[in-house]
């Protein structure tokens, strides 16, 4: 009985404008690590999933800002 190998998750489509994120970080006199964009992208997916669930729970098909 062995353990299953961990399957590496395929990268998701980028929902952010990478250059804009980097420009914003640089405007704060900060530097952007290579993993920042991927982490932010996953957070955006999580927020959208949350908004989608809340939208459906409220019997709607239109996601609103209040669903985030």
Protein backbone atom coordinates (compact mmCIF):
# COMPACT_ATOMS: atom_id res chain seq x y z
CA UNK A 1 0.00 0.00 0.00
CA UNK A 2 1.67 3.15 -1.17
CA UNK A 3 0.56 6.68 -1.18
CA UNK A 4 -0.69 8.30 -4.33
CA UNK A 5 1.73 10.75 -5.89
CA UNK A 6 0.61 14.33 -5.62
CA UNK A 7 -0.64 15.47 -8.99
CA UNK A 8 0.67 18.87 -9.89
CA UNK A 9 -2.20 21.24 -10.65
CA UNK A 10 -2.23 22.62 -14.15
CA UNK A 11 -1.77 26.39 -14.25
CA UNK A 12 -5.06 28.21 -14.59
CA UNK A 13 -5.73 30.89 -17.14
CA UNK A 14 -4.35 34.21 -15.94
CA UNK A 15 -7.17 36.58 -14.95
CA UNK A 16 -4.89 39.48 -14.11
CA UNK A 17 -2.93 41.93 -16.21
CA UNK A 18 0.55 40.99 -15.07
CA UNK A 19 2.19 44.24 -16.17
CA UNK A 20 -0.41 46.31 -14.30
CA UNK A 21 0.11 44.32 -11.09
CA UNK A 22 3.87 44.74 -11.37
CA UNK A 23 3.51 48.46 -12.09
CA UNK A 24 1.31 48.88 -9.03
CA UNK A 25 3.78 47.03 -6.78
CA UNK A 26 6.65 49.10 -8.17
CA UNK A 27 4.69 52.32 -7.55
CA UNK A 28 4.87 51.41 -3.84
CA UNK A 29 8.67 51.17 -4.12
CA UNK A 30 8.46 47.39 -3.78
CA UNK A 31 9.65 44.50 -5.89
CA UNK A 32 7.53 41.70 -7.29
CA UNK A 33 8.53 38.09 -6.54
CA UNK A 34 8.06 35.55 -9.31
CA UNK A 35 5.28 33.71 -7.45
CA UNK A 36 3.16 36.78 -6.64
CA UNK A 37 1.11 36.75 -9.85
CA UNK A 38 0.22 33.05 -9.50
CA UNK A 39 -0.81 33.52 -5.87
CA UNK A 40 -2.93 36.56 -6.68
CA UNK A 41 -4.52 34.70 -9.57
CA UNK A 42 -5.54 31.83 -7.26
CA UNK A 43 -7.06 34.35 -4.83
CA UNK A 44 -9.09 35.89 -7.66
CA UNK A 45 -10.39 32.42 -8.61
CA UNK A 46 -11.32 31.79 -4.95
CA UNK A 47 -13.18 35.12 -4.73
CA UNK A 48 -15.05 34.39 -7.94
CA UNK A 49 -15.99 30.90 -6.71
CA UNK A 50 -17.25 32.41 -3.45
CA UNK A 51 -19.29 35.01 -5.35
CA UNK A 52 -20.73 32.32 -7.61
CA UNK A 53 -21.82 30.16 -4.68
CA UNK A 54 -23.41 33.10 -2.89
CA UNK A 55 -25.18 34.18 -6.07
CA UNK A 56 -26.75 30.74 -6.50
CA UNK A 57 -27.61 30.47 -2.80
CA UNK A 58 -29.58 33.69 -3.17
CA UNK A 59 -31.51 32.34 -6.16
CA UNK A 60 -29.88 34.67 -8.66
CA UNK A 61 -27.87 34.21 -11.83
CA UNK A 62 -26.20 37.62 -11.67
CA UNK A 63 -23.15 37.97 -9.45
CA UNK A 64 -22.92 41.30 -7.65
CA UNK A 65 -20.18 43.11 -5.81
CA UNK A 66 -21.90 42.23 -2.56
CA UNK A 67 -21.38 38.52 -3.34
CA UNK A 68 -17.63 38.86 -2.94
